[in-house]
Amino acid sequence: MRLLLDTHVFLWAVVASPLLKPATRRIIEAADEVHVSAASIWEIAIKVRLGKLRADPAELVTAIDASGFVELPVRAVHTAGVAQLALHHHDPFDRLLVAQALAEPLRLLTADAALAAYGDIVLPV
């Protein structure tokens, strides 16, 4: 299975947070490929700047490779795909992750149950 981690799951995985359930860690470890979107780093950088999150975006970029994950750039086909999505969810970063998962294709591993409305491409944990 090829996975795309949502921003929360990525953060929890790289900081060994207890919020990452053991079953979720097993899914990540069993995956053939695990991707992290550049959009997640962008989202983190914005939240850091707004004071909503304490993290070092540059360190998290390094953590992608260090964790054995693969960086997924944001491509034009991904951003165009957002226009095709039903409005089940309004967060622009989450919608971009769904569009990326559909385009690649990847399974989006997410802690956000609302994203399950986008179908089998989403793997809620």
PDB file of N, CA and C in Angstrom:
ATOM      1  N   MET A   1       0.847  -1.179   0.000  1.00  0.00           N
ATOM      2  CA  MET A   1       0.000   0.000   0.000  1.00  0.00           C
ATOM      3  C   MET A   1       0.893   1.243   0.000  1.00  0.00           C
ATOM      4  N   ARG A   2       0.474   2.238  -0.748  1.00  0.00           N
ATOM      5  CA  ARG A   2       1.174   3.524  -0.809  1.00  0.00           C
ATOM      6  C   ARG A   2       0.345   4.540  -0.033  1.00  0.00           C
ATOM      7  N   LEU A   3       0.965   5.202   0.940  1.00  0.00           N
ATOM      8  CA  LEU A   3       0.258   6.115   1.827  1.00  0.00           C
ATOM      9  C   LEU A   3       0.682   7.557   1.634  1.00  0.00           C
ATOM     10  N   LEU A   4      -0.240   8.459   1.934  1.00  0.00           N
ATOM     11  CA  LEU A   4       0.039   9.876   2.113  1.00  0.00           C
ATOM     12  C   LEU A   4      -0.406  10.205   3.530  1.00  0.00           C
ATOM     13  N   LEU A   5       0.495  10.713   4.340  1.00  0.00           N
ATOM     14  CA  LEU A   5       0.157  11.064   5.727  1.00  0.00           C
ATOM     15  C   LEU A   5      -0.454  12.450   5.773  1.00  0.00           C
ATOM     16  N   ASP A   6      -1.535  12.597   6.526  1.00  0.00           N
ATOM     17  CA  ASP A   6      -2.027  13.958   6.745  1.00  0.00           C
ATOM     18  C   ASP A   6      -1.069  14.653   7.709  1.00  0.00           C
ATOM     19  N   THR A   7      -1.230  15.935   7.872  1.00  0.00           N
ATOM     20  CA  THR A   7      -0.282  16.731   8.648  1.00  0.00           C
ATOM     21  C   THR A   7      -0.179  16.251  10.089  1.00  0.00           C
ATOM     22  N   HIS A   8      -1.317  15.980  10.726  1.00  0.00           N
ATOM     23  CA  HIS A   8      -1.275  15.520  12.119  1.00  0.00           C
ATOM     24  C   HIS A   8      -0.537  14.191  12.241  1.00  0.00           C
ATOM     25  N   VAL A   9      -0.884  13.250  11.383  1.00  0.00           N
ATOM     26  CA  VAL A   9      -0.258  11.927  11.466  1.00  0.00           C
ATOM     27  C   VAL A   9       1.246  12.042  11.228  1.00  0.00           C
ATOM     28  N   PHE A  10       1.654  12.867  10.278  1.00  0.00           N
ATOM     29  CA  PHE A  10       3.086  13.084  10.040  1.00  0.00           C
ATOM     30  C   PHE A  10       3.763  13.631  11.295  1.00  0.00           C
ATOM     31  N   LEU A  11       3.192  14.682  11.887  1.00  0.00           N
ATOM     32  CA  LEU A  11       3.784  15.266  13.096  1.00  0.00           C
ATOM     33  C   LEU A  11       3.871  14.234  14.217  1.00  0.00           C
ATOM     34  N   TRP A  12       2.786  13.518  14.447  1.00  0.00           N
ATOM     35  CA  TRP A  12       2.779  12.517  15.510  1.00  0.00           C
ATOM     36  C   TRP A  12       3.830  11.442  15.257  1.00  0.00           C
ATOM     37  N   ALA A  13       3.999  11.047  14.001  1.00  0.00           N
ATOM     38  CA  ALA A  13       4.964   9.986  13.669  1.00  0.00           C
ATOM     39  C   ALA A  13       6.401  10.435  13.922  1.00  0.00           C
ATOM     40  N   VAL A  14       6.734  11.667  13.533  1.00  0.00           N
ATOM     41  CA  VAL A  14       8.139  12.086  13.650  1.00  0.00           C
ATOM     42  C   VAL A  14       8.530  12.502  15.059  1.00  0.00           C
ATOM     43  N   VAL A  15       7.554  12.847  15.896  1.00  0.00           N
ATOM     44  CA  VAL A  15       7.895  13.205  17.281  1.00  0.00           C
ATOM     45  C   VAL A  15       7.562  12.073  18.260  1.00  0.00           C
ATOM     46  N   ALA A  16       7.186  10.916  17.709  1.00  0.00           N
ATOM     47  CA  ALA A  16       6.837   9.748  18.530  1.00  0.00           C
ATOM     48  C   ALA A  16       5.766  10.105  19.562  1.00  0.00           C
ATOM     49  N   SER A  17       4.747  10.812  19.108  1.00  0.00           N
ATOM     50  CA  SER A  17       3.668  11.240  19.996  1.00  0.00           C
ATOM     51  C   SER A  17       2.803  10.053  20.429  1.00  0.00           C
ATOM     52  N   PRO A  18       2.344  10.071  21.681  1.00  0.00           N
ATOM     53  CA  PRO A  18       1.408   9.036  22.113  1.00  0.00           C
ATOM     54  C   PRO A  18       0.049   9.158  21.406  1.00  0.00           C
ATOM     55  N   LEU A  19      -0.186  10.273  20.719  1.00  0.00           N
ATOM     56  CA  LEU A  19      -1.426  10.422  19.961  1.00  0.00           C
ATOM     57  C   LEU A  19      -1.460   9.509  18.733  1.00  0.00           C
ATOM     58  N   LEU A  20      -0.285   9.052  18.294  1.00  0.00           N
ATOM     59  CA  LEU A  20      -0.222   8.104  17.179  1.00  0.00           C
ATOM     60  C   LEU A  20      -0.461   6.713  17.748  1.00  0.00           C
ATOM     61  N   LYS A  21      -1.615   6.168  17.444  1.00  0.00           N
ATOM     62  CA  LYS A  21      -1.992   4.868  17.979  1.00  0.00           C
ATOM     63  C   LYS A  21      -1.061   3.780  17.438  1.00  0.00           C
ATOM     64  N   PRO A  22      -0.821   2.754  18.244  1.00  0.00           N
ATOM     65  CA  PRO A  22       0.033   1.655  17.771  1.00  0.00           C
ATOM     66  C   PRO A  22      -0.462   1.045  16.455  1.00  0.00           C
ATOM     67  N   ALA A  23      -1.768   0.927  16.292  1.00  0.00           N
ATOM     68  CA  ALA A  23      -2.310   0.369  15.042  1.00  0.00           C
ATOM     69  C   ALA A  23      -1.965   1.257  13.848  1.00  0.00           C
ATOM     70  N   THR A  24      -1.972   2.568  14.063  1.00  0.00           N
ATOM     71  CA  THR A  24      -1.622   3.498  12.994  1.00  0.00           C
ATOM     72  C   THR A  24      -0.144   3.379  12.657  1.00  0.00           C
ATOM     73  N   ARG A  25       0.688   3.270  13.667  1.00  0.00           N
ATOM     74  CA  ARG A  25       2.129   3.089  13.429  1.00  0.00           C
ATOM     75  C   ARG A  25       2.374   1.812  12.635  1.00  0.00           C
ATOM     76  N   ARG A  26       1.641   0.749  12.943  1.00  0.00           N
ATOM     77  CA  ARG A  26       1.809  -0.517  12.214  1.00  0.00           C
ATOM     78  C   ARG A  26       1.418  -0.352  10.745  1.00  0.00           C
ATOM     79  N   ILE A  27       0.366   0.422  10.470  1.00  0.00           N
ATOM     80  CA  ILE A  27      -0.035   0.681   9.082  1.00  0.00           C
ATOM     81  C   ILE A  27       1.092   1.405   8.348  1.00  0.00           C
ATOM     82  N   ILE A  28       1.668   2.398   8.990  1.00  0.00           N
ATOM     83  CA  ILE A  28       2.775   3.154   8.380  1.00  0.00           C
ATOM     84  C   ILE A  28       3.967   2.240   8.126  1.00  0.00           C
ATOM     85  N   GLU A  29       4.318   1.438   9.112  1.00  0.00           N
ATOM     86  CA  GLU A  29       5.482   0.562   8.982  1.00  0.00           C
ATOM     87  C   GLU A  29       5.282  -0.513   7.921  1.00  0.00           C
ATOM     88  N   ALA A  30       4.046  -0.937   7.694  1.00  0.00           N
ATOM     89  CA  ALA A  30       3.758  -1.986   6.716  1.00  0.00           C
ATOM     90  C   ALA A  30       3.616  -1.451   5.290  1.00  0.00           C
ATOM     91  N   ALA A  31       3.514  -0.144   5.134  1.00  0.00           N
ATOM     92  CA  ALA A  31       3.293   0.445   3.812  1.00  0.00           C
ATOM     93  C   ALA A  31       4.515   0.266   2.914  1.00  0.00           C
ATOM     94  N   ASP A  32       4.255   0.146   1.621  1.00  0.00           N
ATOM     95  CA  ASP A  32       5.335   0.059   0.634  1.00  0.00           C
ATOM     96  C   ASP A  32       6.039   1.403   0.483  1.00  0.00           C
ATOM     97  N   GLU A  33       5.267   2.475   0.507  1.00  0.00           N
ATOM     98  CA  GLU A  33       5.788   3.837   0.418  1.00  0.00           C
ATOM     99  C   GLU A  33       4.946   4.720   1.319  1.00  0.00           C
ATOM    100  N   VAL A  34       5.595   5.685   1.957  1.00  0.00           N
ATOM    101  CA  VAL A  34       4.893   6.649   2.797  1.00  0.00           C
ATOM    102  C   VAL A  34       5.307   8.041   2.339  1.00  0.00           C
ATOM    103  N   HIS A  35       4.328   8.816   1.907  1.00  0.00           N
ATOM    104  CA  HIS A  35       4.584  10.153   1.378  1.00  0.00           C
ATOM    105  C   HIS A  35       4.119  11.223   2.355  1.00  0.00           C
ATOM    106  N   VAL A  36       4.824  12.349   2.318  1.00  0.00           N
ATOM    107  CA  VAL A  36       4.450  13.541   3.075  1.00  0.00           C
ATOM    108  C   VAL A  36       4.394  14.683   2.076  1.00  0.00           C
ATOM    109  N   SER A  37       3.281  15.366   2.042  1.00  0.00           N
ATOM    110  CA  SER A  37       3.092  16.447   1.082  1.00  0.00           C
ATOM    111  C   SER A  37       3.845  17.706   1.503  1.00  0.00           C
ATOM    112  N   ALA A  38       4.390  18.394   0.506  1.00  0.00           N
ATOM    113  CA  ALA A  38       4.970  19.716   0.753  1.00  0.00           C
ATOM    114  C   ALA A  38       3.906  20.645   1.335  1.00  0.00           C
ATOM    115  N   ALA A  39       2.643  20.385   1.026  1.00  0.00           N
ATOM    116  CA  ALA A  39       1.547  21.191   1.570  1.00  0.00           C
ATOM    117  C   ALA A  39       1.470  21.070   3.090  1.00  0.00           C
ATOM    118  N   SER A  40       1.839  19.914   3.627  1.00  0.00           N
ATOM    119  CA  SER A  40       1.833  19.756   5.087  1.00  0.00           C
ATOM    120  C   SER A  40       2.888  20.643   5.731  1.00  0.00           C
ATOM    121  N   ILE A  41       4.057  20.734   5.109  1.00  0.00           N
ATOM    122  CA  ILE A  41       5.100  21.612   5.641  1.00  0.00           C
ATOM    123  C   ILE A  41       4.645  23.067   5.545  1.00  0.00           C
ATOM    124  N   TRP A  42       3.996  23.412   4.462  1.00  0.00           N
ATOM    125  CA  TRP A  42       3.454  24.763   4.283  1.00  0.00           C
ATOM    126  C   TRP A  42       2.436  25.067   5.382  1.00  0.00           C
ATOM    127  N   GLU A  43       1.513  24.114   5.633  1.00  0.00           N
ATOM    128  CA  GLU A  43       0.510  24.294   6.688  1.00  0.00           C
ATOM    129  C   GLU A  43       1.173  24.475   8.052  1.00  0.00           C
ATOM    130  N   ILE A  44       2.164  23.671   8.336  1.00  0.00           N
ATOM    131  CA  ILE A  44       2.889  23.778   9.607  1.00  0.00           C
ATOM    132  C   ILE A  44       3.563  25.143   9.718  1.00  0.00           C
ATOM    133  N   ALA A  45       4.217  25.588   8.654  1.00  0.00           N
ATOM    134  CA  ALA A  45       4.905  26.887   8.669  1.00  0.00           C
ATOM    135  C   ALA A  45       3.932  28.022   8.944  1.00  0.00           C
ATOM    136  N   ILE A  46       2.753  27.961   8.354  1.00  0.00           N
ATOM    137  CA  ILE A  46       1.740  28.994   8.596  1.00  0.00           C
ATOM    138  C   ILE A  46       1.294  28.970  10.056  1.00  0.00           C
ATOM    139  N   LYS A  47       1.023  27.779  10.581  1.00  0.00           N
ATOM    140  CA  LYS A  47       0.565  27.672  11.970  1.00  0.00           C
ATOM    141  C   LYS A  47       1.646  28.098  12.960  1.00  0.00           C
ATOM    142  N   VAL A  48       2.907  27.824  12.639  1.00  0.00           N
ATOM    143  CA  VAL A  48       4.012  28.282  13.488  1.00  0.00           C
ATOM    144  C   VAL A  48       4.038  29.803  13.497  1.00  0.00           C
ATOM    145  N   ARG A  49       3.945  30.403  12.332  1.00  0.00           N
ATOM    146  CA  ARG A  49       3.999  31.869  12.218  1.00  0.00           C
ATOM    147  C   ARG A  49       2.834  32.531  12.951  1.00  0.00           C
ATOM    148  N   LEU A  50       1.664  31.887  12.947  1.00  0.00           N
ATOM    149  CA  LEU A  50       0.487  32.426  13.633  1.00  0.00           C
ATOM    150  C   LEU A  50       0.491  32.135  15.132  1.00  0.00           C
ATOM    151  N   GLY A  51       1.477  31.377  15.594  1.00  0.00           N
ATOM    152  CA  GLY A  51       1.560  31.042  17.017  1.00  0.00           C
ATOM    153  C   GLY A  51       0.636  29.910  17.425  1.00  0.00           C
ATOM    154  N   LYS A  52       0.095  29.155  16.467  1.00  0.00           N
ATOM    155  CA  LYS A  52      -0.814  28.054  16.774  1.00  0.00           C
ATOM    156  C   LYS A  52      -0.100  26.727  16.969  1.00  0.00           C
ATOM    157  N   LEU A  53       1.201  26.698  16.642  1.00  0.00           N
ATOM    158  CA  LEU A  53       1.954  25.461  16.718  1.00  0.00           C
ATOM    159  C   LEU A  53       3.407  25.798  17.022  1.00  0.00           C
ATOM    160  N   ARG A  54       4.034  24.966  17.836  1.00  0.00           N
ATOM    161  CA  ARG A  54       5.471  25.130  18.103  1.00  0.00           C
ATOM    162  C   ARG A  54       6.196  23.986  17.395  1.00  0.00           C
ATOM    163  N   ALA A  55       6.935  24.334  16.369  1.00  0.00           N
ATOM    164  CA  ALA A  55       7.693  23.353  15.595  1.00  0.00           C
ATOM    165  C   ALA A  55       8.700  24.112  14.752  1.00  0.00           C
ATOM    166  N   ASP A  56       9.668  23.396  14.227  1.00  0.00           N
ATOM    167  CA  ASP A  56      10.640  23.985  13.308  1.00  0.00           C
ATOM    168  C   ASP A  56      10.396  23.373  11.941  1.00  0.00           C
ATOM    169  N   PRO A  57       9.768  24.124  11.027  1.00  0.00           N
ATOM    170  CA  PRO A  57       9.472  23.565   9.706  1.00  0.00           C
ATOM    171  C   PRO A  57      10.710  23.019   8.988  1.00  0.00           C
ATOM    172  N   ALA A  58      11.859  23.662   9.128  1.00  0.00           N
ATOM    173  CA  ALA A  58      13.079  23.178   8.473  1.00  0.00           C
ATOM    174  C   ALA A  58      13.488  21.809   9.023  1.00  0.00           C
ATOM    175  N   GLU A  59      13.358  21.630  10.331  1.00  0.00           N
ATOM    176  CA  GLU A  59      13.664  20.323  10.923  1.00  0.00           C
ATOM    177  C   GLU A  59      12.683  19.263  10.438  1.00  0.00           C
ATOM    178  N   LEU A  60      11.441  19.650  10.240  1.00  0.00           N
ATOM    179  CA  LEU A  60      10.443  18.694   9.767  1.00  0.00           C
ATOM    180  C   LEU A  60      10.694  18.286   8.319  1.00  0.00           C
ATOM    181  N   VAL A  61      11.233  19.196   7.521  1.00  0.00           N
ATOM    182  CA  VAL A  61      11.628  18.831   6.155  1.00  0.00           C
ATOM    183  C   VAL A  61      12.695  17.736   6.222  1.00  0.00           C
ATOM    184  N   THR A  62      13.677  17.918   7.079  1.00  0.00           N
ATOM    185  CA  THR A  62      14.739  16.923   7.262  1.00  0.00           C
ATOM    186  C   THR A  62      14.163  15.616   7.796  1.00  0.00           C
ATOM    187  N   ALA A  63      13.144  15.709   8.635  1.00  0.00           N
ATOM    188  CA  ALA A  63      12.538  14.520   9.237  1.00  0.00           C
ATOM    189  C   ALA A  63      11.822  13.647   8.208  1.00  0.00           C
ATOM    190  N   ILE A  64      11.425  14.222   7.093  1.00  0.00           N
ATOM    191  CA  ILE A  64      10.762  13.418   6.053  1.00  0.00           C
ATOM    192  C   ILE A  64      11.714  12.310   5.607  1.00  0.00           C
ATOM    193  N   ASP A  65      12.889  12.690   5.142  1.00  0.00           N
ATOM    194  CA  ASP A  65      13.878  11.691   4.696  1.00  0.00           C
ATOM    195  C   ASP A  65      14.366  10.818   5.842  1.00  0.00           C
ATOM    196  N   ALA A  66      14.630  11.446   6.985  1.00  0.00           N
ATOM    197  CA  ALA A  66      15.158  10.703   8.132  1.00  0.00           C
ATOM    198  C   ALA A  66      14.190   9.606   8.579  1.00  0.00           C
ATOM    199  N   SER A  67      12.909   9.804   8.345  1.00  0.00           N
ATOM    200  CA  SER A  67      11.899   8.823   8.728  1.00  0.00           C
ATOM    201  C   SER A  67      11.681   7.754   7.662  1.00  0.00           C
ATOM    202  N   GLY A  68      12.356   7.918   6.531  1.00  0.00           N
ATOM    203  CA  GLY A  68      12.151   6.976   5.436  1.00  0.00           C
ATOM    204  C   GLY A  68      10.943   7.316   4.589  1.00  0.00           C
ATOM    205  N   PHE A  69      10.378   8.498   4.799  1.00  0.00           N
ATOM    206  CA  PHE A  69       9.223   8.939   4.023  1.00  0.00           C
ATOM    207  C   PHE A  69       9.698   9.594   2.730  1.00  0.00           C
ATOM    208  N   VAL A  70       8.767   9.824   1.832  1.00  0.00           N
ATOM    209  CA  VAL A  70       9.056  10.431   0.542  1.00  0.00           C
ATOM    210  C   VAL A  70       8.316  11.761   0.454  1.00  0.00           C
ATOM    211  N   GLU A  71       9.036  12.826   0.114  1.00  0.00           N
ATOM    212  CA  GLU A  71       8.375  14.123  -0.054  1.00  0.00           C
ATOM    213  C   GLU A  71       7.552  14.117  -1.334  1.00  0.00           C
ATOM    214  N   LEU A  72       6.314  14.563  -1.229  1.00  0.00           N
ATOM    215  CA  LEU A  72       5.426  14.688  -2.379  1.00  0.00           C
ATOM    216  C   LEU A  72       5.263  16.164  -2.707  1.00  0.00           C
ATOM    217  N   PRO A  73       5.830  16.624  -3.822  1.00  0.00           N
ATOM    218  CA  PRO A  73       5.664  18.029  -4.181  1.00  0.00           C
ATOM    219  C   PRO A  73       4.218  18.325  -4.558  1.00  0.00           C
ATOM    220  N   VAL A  74       3.845  19.570  -4.483  1.00  0.00           N
ATOM    221  CA  VAL A  74       2.524  20.000  -4.942  1.00  0.00           C
ATOM    222  C   VAL A  74       2.657  20.334  -6.424  1.00  0.00           C
ATOM    223  N   ARG A  75       1.905  19.617  -7.243  1.00  0.00           N
ATOM    224  CA  ARG A  75       1.956  19.810  -8.689  1.00  0.00           C
ATOM    225  C   ARG A  75       0.649  20.445  -9.169  1.00  0.00           C
ATOM    226  N   ALA A  76       0.681  20.987 -10.358  1.00  0.00           N
ATOM    227  CA  ALA A  76      -0.493  21.645 -10.930  1.00  0.00           C
ATOM    228  C   ALA A  76      -1.692  20.704 -11.005  1.00  0.00           C
ATOM    229  N   VAL A  77      -1.462  19.441 -11.348  1.00  0.00           N
ATOM    230  CA  VAL A  77      -2.564  18.482 -11.428  1.00  0.00           C
ATOM    231  C   VAL A  77      -3.228  18.297 -10.059  1.00  0.00           C
ATOM    232  N   HIS A  78      -2.448  18.413  -9.002  1.00  0.00           N
ATOM    233  CA  HIS A  78      -3.008  18.301  -7.649  1.00  0.00           C
ATOM    234  C   HIS A  78      -3.915  19.495  -7.353  1.00  0.00           C
ATOM    235  N   THR A  79      -3.417  20.682  -7.627  1.00  0.00           N
ATOM    236  CA  THR A  79      -4.196  21.882  -7.302  1.00  0.00           C
ATOM    237  C   THR A  79      -5.448  21.971  -8.168  1.00  0.00           C
ATOM    238  N   ALA A  80      -5.343  21.566  -9.429  1.00  0.00           N
ATOM    239  CA  ALA A  80      -6.522  21.567 -10.291  1.00  0.00           C
ATOM    240  C   ALA A  80      -7.544  20.548  -9.803  1.00  0.00           C
ATOM    241  N   GLY A  81      -7.073  19.452  -9.233  1.00  0.00           N
ATOM    242  CA  GLY A  81      -7.967  18.412  -8.737  1.00  0.00           C
ATOM    243  C   GLY A  81      -8.859  18.868  -7.601  1.00  0.00           C
ATOM    244  N   VAL A  82      -8.426  19.877  -6.866  1.00  0.00           N
ATOM    245  CA  VAL A  82      -9.239  20.401  -5.768  1.00  0.00           C
ATOM    246  C   VAL A  82     -10.596  20.892  -6.283  1.00  0.00           C
ATOM    247  N   ALA A  83     -10.612  21.438  -7.488  1.00  0.00           N
ATOM    248  CA  ALA A  83     -11.865  21.966  -8.065  1.00  0.00           C
ATOM    249  C   ALA A  83     -12.893  20.870  -8.316  1.00  0.00           C
ATOM    250  N   GLN A  84     -12.454  19.632  -8.425  1.00  0.00           N
ATOM    251  CA  GLN A  84     -13.354  18.514  -8.699  1.00  0.00           C
ATOM    252  C   GLN A  84     -13.941  17.877  -7.436  1.00  0.00           C
ATOM    253  N   LEU A  85     -13.434  18.289  -6.285  1.00  0.00           N
ATOM    254  CA  LEU A  85     -13.869  17.664  -5.034  1.00  0.00           C
ATOM    255  C   LEU A  85     -15.196  18.229  -4.542  1.00  0.00           C
ATOM    256  N   ALA A  86     -16.039  17.341  -4.042  1.00  0.00           N
ATOM    257  CA  ALA A  86     -17.251  17.779  -3.356  1.00  0.00           C
ATOM    258  C   ALA A  86     -16.838  18.549  -2.103  1.00  0.00           C
ATOM    259  N   LEU A  87     -17.711  19.409  -1.644  1.00  0.00           N
ATOM    260  CA  LEU A  87     -17.388  20.245  -0.477  1.00  0.00           C
ATOM    261  C   LEU A  87     -17.710  19.547   0.847  1.00  0.00           C
ATOM    262  N   HIS A  88     -17.220  18.323   0.985  1.00  0.00           N
ATOM    263  CA  HIS A  88     -17.403  17.593   2.246  1.00  0.00           C
ATOM    264  C   HIS A  88     -16.578  18.213   3.364  1.00  0.00           C
ATOM    265  N   HIS A  89     -15.511  18.880   2.991  1.00  0.00           N
ATOM    266  CA  HIS A  89     -14.560  19.417   3.963  1.00  0.00           C
ATOM    267  C   HIS A  89     -14.094  20.765   3.443  1.00  0.00           C
ATOM    268  N   HIS A  90     -13.902  21.722   4.328  1.00  0.00           N
ATOM    269  CA  HIS A  90     -13.584  23.081   3.888  1.00  0.00           C
ATOM    270  C   HIS A  90     -12.146  23.506   4.119  1.00  0.00           C
ATOM    271  N   ASP A  91     -11.350  22.716   4.840  1.00  0.00           N
ATOM    272  CA  ASP A  91      -9.957  23.087   5.072  1.00  0.00           C
ATOM    273  C   ASP A  91      -9.175  22.940   3.764  1.00  0.00           C
ATOM    274  N   PRO A  92      -8.560  24.018   3.275  1.00  0.00           N
ATOM    275  CA  PRO A  92      -7.881  23.942   1.970  1.00  0.00           C
ATOM    276  C   PRO A  92      -6.691  22.978   1.956  1.00  0.00           C
ATOM    277  N   PHE A  93      -5.990  22.839   3.061  1.00  0.00           N
ATOM    278  CA  PHE A  93      -4.863  21.910   3.094  1.00  0.00           C
ATOM    279  C   PHE A  93      -5.349  20.468   3.021  1.00  0.00           C
ATOM    280  N   ASP A  94      -6.393  20.150   3.765  1.00  0.00           N
ATOM    281  CA  ASP A  94      -6.935  18.793   3.724  1.00  0.00           C
ATOM    282  C   ASP A  94      -7.497  18.472   2.341  1.00  0.00           C
ATOM    283  N   ARG A  95      -8.149  19.435   1.728  1.00  0.00           N
ATOM    284  CA  ARG A  95      -8.687  19.216   0.375  1.00  0.00           C
ATOM    285  C   ARG A  95      -7.552  18.974  -0.624  1.00  0.00           C
ATOM    286  N   LEU A  96      -6.446  19.684  -0.470  1.00  0.00           N
ATOM    287  CA  LEU A  96      -5.302  19.461  -1.352  1.00  0.00           C
ATOM    288  C   LEU A  96      -4.722  18.068  -1.136  1.00  0.00           C
ATOM    289  N   LEU A  97      -4.643  17.624   0.100  1.00  0.00           N
ATOM    290  CA  LEU A  97      -4.146  16.274   0.370  1.00  0.00           C
ATOM    291  C   LEU A  97      -5.041  15.217  -0.269  1.00  0.00           C
ATOM    292  N   VAL A  98      -6.355  15.414  -0.217  1.00  0.00           N
ATOM    293  CA  VAL A  98      -7.276  14.484  -0.871  1.00  0.00           C
ATOM    294  C   VAL A  98      -7.029  14.480  -2.378  1.00  0.00           C
ATOM    295  N   ALA A  99      -6.892  15.654  -2.971  1.00  0.00           N
ATOM    296  CA  ALA A  99      -6.640  15.747  -4.411  1.00  0.00           C
ATOM    297  C   ALA A  99      -5.320  15.073  -4.782  1.00  0.00           C
ATOM    298  N   GLN A 100      -4.296  15.239  -3.946  1.00  0.00           N
ATOM    299  CA  GLN A 100      -3.022  14.571  -4.202  1.00  0.00           C
ATOM    300  C   GLN A 100      -3.175  13.052  -4.138  1.00  0.00           C
ATOM    301  N   ALA A 101      -3.893  12.576  -3.135  1.00  0.00           N
ATOM    302  CA  ALA A 101      -4.101  11.135  -2.987  1.00  0.00           C
ATOM    303  C   ALA A 101      -4.827  10.568  -4.205  1.00  0.00           C
ATOM    304  N   LEU A 102      -5.810  11.281  -4.697  1.00  0.00           N
ATOM    305  CA  LEU A 102      -6.544  10.826  -5.874  1.00  0.00           C
ATOM    306  C   LEU A 102      -5.662  10.821  -7.119  1.00  0.00           C
ATOM    307  N   ALA A 103      -4.842  11.825  -7.291  1.00  0.00           N
ATOM    308  CA  ALA A 103      -4.033  11.959  -8.493  1.00  0.00           C
ATOM    309  C   ALA A 103      -2.883  10.960  -8.561  1.00  0.00           C
ATOM    310  N   GLU A 104      -2.333  10.559  -7.430  1.00  0.00           N
ATOM    311  CA  GLU A 104      -1.082   9.791  -7.459  1.00  0.00           C
ATOM    312  C   GLU A 104      -1.214   8.309  -7.825  1.00  0.00           C
ATOM    313  N   PRO A 105      -2.026   7.474  -7.495  1.00  0.00           N
ATOM    314  CA  PRO A 105      -2.935   7.439  -6.353  1.00  0.00           C
ATOM    315  C   PRO A 105      -2.221   6.934  -5.093  1.00  0.00           C
ATOM    316  N   LEU A 106      -2.709   7.451  -3.967  1.00  0.00           N
ATOM    317  CA  LEU A 106      -2.223   7.087  -2.643  1.00  0.00           C
ATOM    318  C   LEU A 106      -3.431   6.955  -1.729  1.00  0.00           C
ATOM    319  N   ARG A 107      -3.281   6.282  -0.610  1.00  0.00           N
ATOM    320  CA  ARG A 107      -4.307   6.270   0.434  1.00  0.00           C
ATOM    321  C   ARG A 107      -3.933   7.348   1.436  1.00  0.00           C
ATOM    322  N   LEU A 108      -4.859   8.237   1.747  1.00  0.00           N
ATOM    323  CA  LEU A 108      -4.626   9.312   2.709  1.00  0.00           C
ATOM    324  C   LEU A 108      -4.898   8.798   4.111  1.00  0.00           C
ATOM    325  N   LEU A 109      -3.849   8.683   4.915  1.00  0.00           N
ATOM    326  CA  LEU A 109      -3.953   8.229   6.294  1.00  0.00           C
ATOM    327  C   LEU A 109      -4.187   9.458   7.155  1.00  0.00           C
ATOM    328  N   THR A 110      -5.370   9.537   7.761  1.00  0.00           N
ATOM    329  CA  THR A 110      -5.763  10.760   8.447  1.00  0.00           C
ATOM    330  C   THR A 110      -6.451  10.501   9.773  1.00  0.00           C
ATOM    331  N   ALA A 111      -6.287  11.447  10.675  1.00  0.00           N
ATOM    332  CA  ALA A 111      -6.986  11.427  11.958  1.00  0.00           C
ATOM    333  C   ALA A 111      -8.304  12.192  11.869  1.00  0.00           C
ATOM    334  N   ASP A 112      -8.584  12.781  10.718  1.00  0.00           N
ATOM    335  CA  ASP A 112      -9.785  13.597  10.524  1.00  0.00           C
ATOM    336  C   ASP A 112     -10.889  12.739   9.908  1.00  0.00           C
ATOM    337  N   ALA A 113     -11.803  12.268  10.742  1.00  0.00           N
ATOM    338  CA  ALA A 113     -12.866  11.368  10.288  1.00  0.00           C
ATOM    339  C   ALA A 113     -13.751  11.993   9.217  1.00  0.00           C
ATOM    340  N   ALA A 114     -13.865  13.309   9.191  1.00  0.00           N
ATOM    341  CA  ALA A 114     -14.712  13.976   8.197  1.00  0.00           C
ATOM    342  C   ALA A 114     -14.218  13.734   6.776  1.00  0.00           C
ATOM    343  N   LEU A 115     -12.937  13.467   6.620  1.00  0.00           N
ATOM    344  CA  LEU A 115     -12.390  13.236   5.281  1.00  0.00           C
ATOM    345  C   LEU A 115     -12.836  11.908   4.692  1.00  0.00           C
ATOM    346  N   ALA A 116     -13.349  11.011   5.506  1.00  0.00           N
ATOM    347  CA  ALA A 116     -13.832   9.719   5.013  1.00  0.00           C
ATOM    348  C   ALA A 116     -14.945   9.884   3.987  1.00  0.00           C
ATOM    349  N   ALA A 117     -15.596  11.023   3.982  1.00  0.00           N
ATOM    350  CA  ALA A 117     -16.653  11.291   2.998  1.00  0.00           C
ATOM    351  C   ALA A 117     -16.121  11.263   1.568  1.00  0.00           C
ATOM    352  N   TYR A 118     -14.807  11.365   1.397  1.00  0.00           N
ATOM    353  CA  TYR A 118     -14.210  11.330   0.061  1.00  0.00           C
ATOM    354  C   TYR A 118     -13.991   9.914  -0.453  1.00  0.00           C
ATOM    355  N   GLY A 119     -14.371   8.914   0.310  1.00  0.00           N
ATOM    356  CA  GLY A 119     -14.357   7.550  -0.193  1.00  0.00           C
ATOM    357  C   GLY A 119     -13.166   6.724   0.246  1.00  0.00           C
ATOM    358  N   ASP A 120     -12.957   5.636  -0.495  1.00  0.00           N
ATOM    359  CA  ASP A 120     -11.944   4.636  -0.135  1.00  0.00           C
ATOM    360  C   ASP A 120     -10.517   5.138  -0.205  1.00  0.00           C
ATOM    361  N   ILE A 121     -10.287   6.248  -0.862  1.00  0.00           N
ATOM    362  CA  ILE A 121      -8.939   6.813  -0.954  1.00  0.00           C
ATOM    363  C   ILE A 121      -8.459   7.274   0.436  1.00  0.00           C
ATOM    364  N   VAL A 122      -9.422   7.533   1.331  1.00  0.00           N
ATOM    365  CA  VAL A 122      -9.126   8.008   2.686  1.00  0.00           C
ATOM    366  C   VAL A 122      -9.144   6.829   3.647  1.00  0.00           C
ATOM    367  N   LEU A 123      -8.107   6.768   4.455  1.00  0.00           N
ATOM    368  CA  LEU A 123      -7.977   5.724   5.467  1.00  0.00           C
ATOM    369  C   LEU A 123      -7.976   6.390   6.829  1.00  0.00           C
ATOM    370  N   PRO A 124      -9.169   6.504   7.461  1.00  0.00           N
ATOM    371  CA  PRO A 124      -9.227   7.169   8.777  1.00  0.00           C
ATOM    372  C   PRO A 124      -8.641   6.265   9.862  1.00  0.00           C
ATOM    373  N   VAL A 125      -7.943   6.895  10.803  1.00  0.00           N
ATOM    374  CA  VAL A 125      -7.353   6.129  11.912  1.00  0.00           C
ATOM    375  C   VAL A 125      -7.790   6.722  13.239  1.00  0.00           C
TER     376      VAL A 125
END
